[in-house]
Amino acid sequence: MEEFLTAHFWLAVGQIIMIDILLGGDNAVVIALACRQLPPKLRTKGILWGTAGAIVLRVILIAFALTLLQVPFLKLVGAALLLWIGVKLLVPEDEGHSDIQGSDKLWAAVKTVIVADLVMSIDNVIAIAGAATGAGSQHQLPLVIFGLLVSIPIIIWGSQLVLKLMDRFPLIITVGGMLLGWIAGTMAHSDPAIKDWLPQTSMWNYGLGITGALAVFLVGTVLKKRAEQTLQADN
């Protein structure tokens, strides 16, 4: 029980919530599109059941990810993917959702929400698993479940507010991208394949975390400026 009162636990919970908010904005759009053709009295049920199914599926995926990350070199692969996701977060691209088909049948809409969430949740799963393992917690799965239960309602009912805040304060997105870089660095440090090669000290752990955060910031900033220059040239 004392584990749930430590700073490591609540820091990891905060990271998981921020990751889900930053990377889960599209999920709220998918839920809305999948349920748009339902009768008004069934829309709330469609959203709730679809979200519940998506949460259960994501917890299962993260449980597998937490196990797989104990295999040598897989944390290094996950760290590389997180660095890419962090950079991509700083250089947003328009993603179309026109292929998300709505349905006027409750369970068809629920199935659409769950399947779409599965396809779109790979980045969330990797990032959340990394945050959980980096916390050094012995209760990683309860930590993940708690973080998801807190963040999912925020995404569904507060997504518009979150998106407006991100538009008004772009620094939030930058900090989020750097957070993913931090998690990537600390994840790589704990990979079983390199534990014997790198000192397993807090200084090295924090150093690699800072390196990952700065790498995302620098690469993301350069690519963002290039994208803006290309856009201006096209106009």
Protein backbone atom coordinates (compact mmCIF):
# COMPACT_ATOMS: atom_id res chain seq x y z
CA MET A 1 0.00 0.00 0.00
CA GLU A 2 2.93 2.31 0.74
CA GLU A 3 3.94 1.99 -2.93
CA PHE A 4 0.83 3.98 -3.91
CA LEU A 5 1.93 6.89 -1.70
CA THR A 6 5.38 7.34 -3.24
CA ALA A 7 6.42 10.20 -5.50
CA HIS A 8 7.49 7.68 -8.20
CA PHE A 9 3.95 6.30 -8.41
CA TRP A 10 2.23 9.69 -8.77
CA LEU A 11 4.88 10.95 -11.19
CA ALA A 12 4.19 7.93 -13.40
CA VAL A 13 0.41 8.50 -13.10
CA GLY A 14 0.91 12.11 -14.20
CA GLN A 15 3.01 10.97 -17.16
CA ILE A 16 0.39 8.42 -18.22
CA ILE A 17 -2.42 11.00 -18.03
CA MET A 18 -0.43 13.54 -20.06
CA ILE A 19 0.54 10.89 -22.65
CA ASP A 20 -3.07 9.80 -23.09
CA ILE A 21 -4.31 13.38 -23.43
CA LEU A 22 -1.61 14.33 -25.97
CA LEU A 23 -1.79 11.15 -28.03
CA GLY A 24 -5.47 10.37 -27.54
CA GLY A 25 -7.12 13.43 -29.06
CA ASP A 26 -7.92 11.53 -32.25
CA ASN A 27 -9.63 8.80 -30.23
CA ALA A 28 -12.32 11.25 -29.14
CA VAL A 29 -12.88 12.18 -32.80
CA VAL A 30 -13.18 8.50 -33.75
CA ILE A 31 -15.72 7.86 -30.99
CA ALA A 32 -17.82 10.81 -32.16
CA LEU A 33 -17.70 9.70 -35.80
CA ALA A 34 -18.49 6.06 -35.03
CA CYS A 35 -21.56 7.01 -32.97
CA ARG A 36 -22.80 9.90 -35.09
CA GLN A 37 -25.53 7.90 -36.85
CA LEU A 38 -26.95 6.34 -33.68
CA PRO A 39 -30.32 7.60 -32.44
CA PRO A 40 -29.78 10.33 -29.80
CA LYS A 41 -30.97 8.07 -26.98
CA LEU A 42 -28.34 5.45 -27.89
CA ARG A 43 -25.37 7.74 -28.44
CA THR A 44 -24.38 7.92 -24.78
CA LYS A 45 -24.58 4.12 -24.52
CA GLY A 46 -22.48 3.75 -27.67
CA ILE A 47 -19.82 6.11 -26.33
CA LEU A 48 -19.72 4.46 -22.89
CA TRP A 49 -19.66 0.84 -24.12
CA GLY A 50 -17.19 1.62 -26.89
CA THR A 51 -14.91 3.44 -24.47
CA ALA A 52 -15.16 0.64 -21.89
CA GLY A 53 -14.22 -1.95 -24.53
CA ALA A 54 -11.33 0.21 -25.73
CA ILE A 55 -10.01 0.61 -22.17
CA VAL A 56 -10.12 -3.15 -21.50
CA LEU A 57 -8.38 -3.90 -24.79
CA ARG A 58 -5.72 -1.27 -24.14
CA VAL A 59 -5.03 -2.62 -20.63
CA ILE A 60 -4.52 -6.09 -22.14
CA LEU A 61 -2.14 -4.69 -24.77
CA ILE A 62 -0.17 -2.77 -22.16
CA ALA A 63 0.04 -5.87 -19.94
CA PHE A 64 1.63 -7.72 -22.88
CA ALA A 65 3.91 -4.74 -23.56
CA LEU A 66 5.08 -4.63 -19.93
CA THR A 67 6.04 -8.32 -20.21
CA LEU A 68 7.69 -7.99 -23.62
CA LEU A 69 9.77 -5.01 -22.48
CA GLN A 70 11.66 -7.40 -20.19
CA VAL A 71 13.11 -9.09 -23.30
CA PRO A 72 16.63 -7.81 -24.17
CA PHE A 73 16.79 -5.08 -26.85
CA LEU A 74 13.02 -4.52 -26.98
CA LYS A 75 13.27 -1.50 -24.68
CA LEU A 76 15.82 -0.04 -27.09
CA VAL A 77 13.36 -0.56 -29.96
CA GLY A 78 10.57 0.97 -27.85
CA ALA A 79 12.81 3.91 -26.98
CA ALA A 80 13.54 4.55 -30.67
CA LEU A 81 9.81 4.44 -31.46
CA LEU A 82 9.06 6.86 -28.62
CA LEU A 83 11.67 9.31 -29.91
CA TRP A 84 9.98 9.17 -33.34
CA ILE A 85 6.52 9.63 -31.79
CA GLY A 86 7.79 12.60 -29.76
CA VAL A 87 9.27 14.27 -32.84
CA LYS A 88 6.10 13.57 -34.80
CA LEU A 89 4.08 15.21 -32.03
CA LEU A 90 6.02 18.45 -32.56
CA VAL A 91 5.45 18.29 -36.33
CA PRO A 92 1.71 17.52 -36.50
CA GLU A 93 0.17 16.26 -39.70
CA ASP A 94 -3.46 16.42 -40.70
CA GLU A 95 -5.00 12.99 -40.40
CA GLY A 96 -8.25 12.24 -42.16
CA HIS A 97 -10.94 10.20 -40.50
CA SER A 98 -13.29 9.98 -43.45
CA ASP A 99 -12.81 6.20 -43.52
CA ILE A 100 -14.43 5.84 -40.07
CA GLN A 101 -17.89 4.55 -40.84
CA GLY A 102 -20.74 5.43 -38.51
CA SER A 103 -23.56 3.00 -37.82
CA ASP A 104 -27.15 3.29 -36.69
CA LYS A 105 -26.81 0.00 -34.74
CA LEU A 106 -25.46 0.23 -31.18
CA TRP A 107 -23.13 -2.79 -31.18
CA ALA A 108 -21.85 -2.07 -34.68
CA ALA A 109 -20.84 1.42 -33.50
CA VAL A 110 -19.26 -0.05 -30.35
CA LYS A 111 -17.24 -2.50 -32.48
CA THR A 112 -16.08 0.37 -34.71
CA VAL A 113 -14.89 2.36 -31.68
CA ILE A 114 -12.96 -0.62 -30.27
CA VAL A 115 -11.32 -1.61 -33.57
CA ALA A 116 -10.39 1.98 -34.46
CA ASP A 117 -8.98 2.56 -30.98
CA LEU A 118 -6.91 -0.62 -31.31
CA VAL A 119 -5.39 0.55 -34.59
CA MET A 120 -4.65 4.04 -33.26
CA SER A 121 -3.35 3.07 -29.83
CA ILE A 122 0.06 1.57 -30.62
CA ASP A 123 1.85 4.82 -29.74
CA ASN A 124 -0.15 5.17 -26.51
CA VAL A 125 0.62 1.58 -25.50
CA ILE A 126 4.38 1.95 -26.02
CA ALA A 127 4.54 5.31 -24.24
CA ILE A 128 2.40 4.22 -21.28
CA ALA A 129 4.33 0.95 -20.85
CA GLY A 130 7.56 2.95 -20.89
CA ALA A 131 6.24 5.38 -18.26
CA ALA A 132 5.13 2.48 -16.04
CA THR A 133 8.43 0.59 -16.25
CA GLY A 134 10.41 3.79 -15.73
CA ALA A 135 8.59 4.43 -12.46
CA GLY A 136 10.32 1.51 -10.79
CA SER A 137 6.96 0.42 -9.40
CA GLN A 138 6.10 -3.10 -8.32
CA HIS A 139 2.46 -2.39 -9.16
CA GLN A 140 2.82 -1.41 -12.80
CA LEU A 141 -0.49 -2.73 -14.12
CA PRO A 142 -2.64 -1.13 -11.37
CA LEU A 143 -0.73 2.08 -12.08
CA VAL A 144 -1.58 1.83 -15.78
CA ILE A 145 -5.25 1.07 -15.10
CA PHE A 146 -5.56 4.00 -12.69
CA GLY A 147 -3.90 6.38 -15.15
CA LEU A 148 -6.16 5.24 -18.00
CA LEU A 149 -9.33 5.50 -15.90
CA VAL A 150 -8.44 9.10 -15.03
CA SER A 151 -7.36 10.15 -18.53
CA ILE A 152 -10.06 8.50 -20.71
CA PRO A 153 -12.94 10.63 -19.33
CA ILE A 154 -10.79 13.72 -19.83
CA ILE A 155 -10.28 12.75 -23.49
CA ILE A 156 -13.97 12.03 -24.13
CA TRP A 157 -15.63 14.90 -22.30
CA GLY A 158 -12.81 17.41 -22.20
CA SER A 159 -11.18 16.86 -25.58
CA GLN A 160 -12.40 20.14 -27.03
CA LEU A 161 -11.04 22.07 -24.04
CA VAL A 162 -7.73 20.20 -24.23
CA LEU A 163 -7.42 20.90 -27.96
CA LYS A 164 -8.16 24.62 -27.41
CA LEU A 165 -5.54 24.79 -24.67
CA MET A 166 -2.99 23.14 -26.97
CA ASP A 167 -3.80 25.63 -29.74
CA ARG A 168 -3.48 28.55 -27.34
CA PHE A 169 -0.41 27.26 -25.52
CA PRO A 170 1.76 25.29 -28.00
CA LEU A 171 4.30 24.87 -25.20
CA ILE A 172 2.07 22.07 -23.86
CA ILE A 173 2.73 20.01 -26.99
CA THR A 174 6.45 20.75 -26.85
CA VAL A 175 6.62 19.66 -23.21
CA GLY A 176 4.65 16.52 -24.11
CA GLY A 177 7.05 15.63 -26.92
CA MET A 178 10.03 16.16 -24.61
CA LEU A 179 8.32 13.97 -22.00
CA LEU A 180 8.22 11.13 -24.53
CA GLY A 181 11.92 11.72 -25.21
CA TRP A 182 12.62 11.57 -21.47
CA ILE A 183 10.72 8.28 -21.16
CA ALA A 184 12.62 6.92 -24.19
CA GLY A 185 15.98 7.72 -22.58
CA THR A 186 15.13 6.21 -19.21
CA MET A 187 13.59 3.16 -20.92
CA ALA A 188 16.74 2.54 -22.96
CA HIS A 189 18.86 2.80 -19.79
CA SER A 190 16.97 -0.08 -18.16
CA ASP A 191 17.13 -2.47 -21.14
CA PRO A 192 18.41 -5.87 -19.94
CA ALA A 193 20.82 -6.05 -22.90
CA ILE A 194 22.86 -3.01 -21.79
CA LYS A 195 22.50 -3.14 -18.02
CA ASP A 196 25.99 -4.64 -17.75
CA TRP A 197 27.45 -1.96 -20.02
CA LEU A 198 26.06 1.20 -18.44
CA PRO A 199 26.22 2.16 -14.76
CA GLN A 200 22.75 1.69 -13.26
CA THR A 201 22.78 4.94 -11.32
CA SER A 202 20.30 7.79 -11.04
CA MET A 203 22.78 10.13 -12.70
CA TRP A 204 22.95 7.98 -15.84
CA ASN A 205 19.19 7.44 -15.81
CA TYR A 206 18.46 11.18 -15.60
CA GLY A 207 21.25 11.95 -18.07
CA LEU A 208 19.79 9.67 -20.74
CA GLY A 209 16.31 11.03 -20.00
CA ILE A 210 17.50 14.60 -20.52
CA THR A 211 19.35 13.55 -23.68
CA GLY A 212 16.17 11.98 -25.08
CA ALA A 213 14.10 15.07 -24.22
CA LEU A 214 16.61 17.42 -25.86
CA ALA A 215 16.90 15.18 -28.93
CA VAL A 216 13.13 15.31 -29.48
CA PHE A 217 13.09 19.08 -28.97
CA LEU A 218 15.98 19.81 -31.35
CA VAL A 219 14.97 17.41 -34.14
CA GLY A 220 11.29 18.33 -33.81
CA THR A 221 12.07 22.06 -33.92
CA VAL A 222 14.23 21.71 -37.05
CA LEU A 223 11.63 19.59 -38.87
CA LYS A 224 8.82 21.94 -37.81
CA LYS A 225 10.68 24.95 -39.23
CA ARG A 226 11.35 23.09 -42.47
CA ALA A 227 7.68 22.16 -42.76
CA GLU A 228 6.64 25.78 -42.16
CA GLN A 229 9.11 27.01 -44.79
CA THR A 230 7.82 24.44 -47.30
CA LEU A 231 4.25 25.52 -46.60
CA GLN A 232 5.14 29.19 -47.09
CA ALA A 233 6.95 28.39 -50.35
CA ASP A 234 3.92 26.48 -51.65
CA ASN A 235 1.65 29.42 -50.87
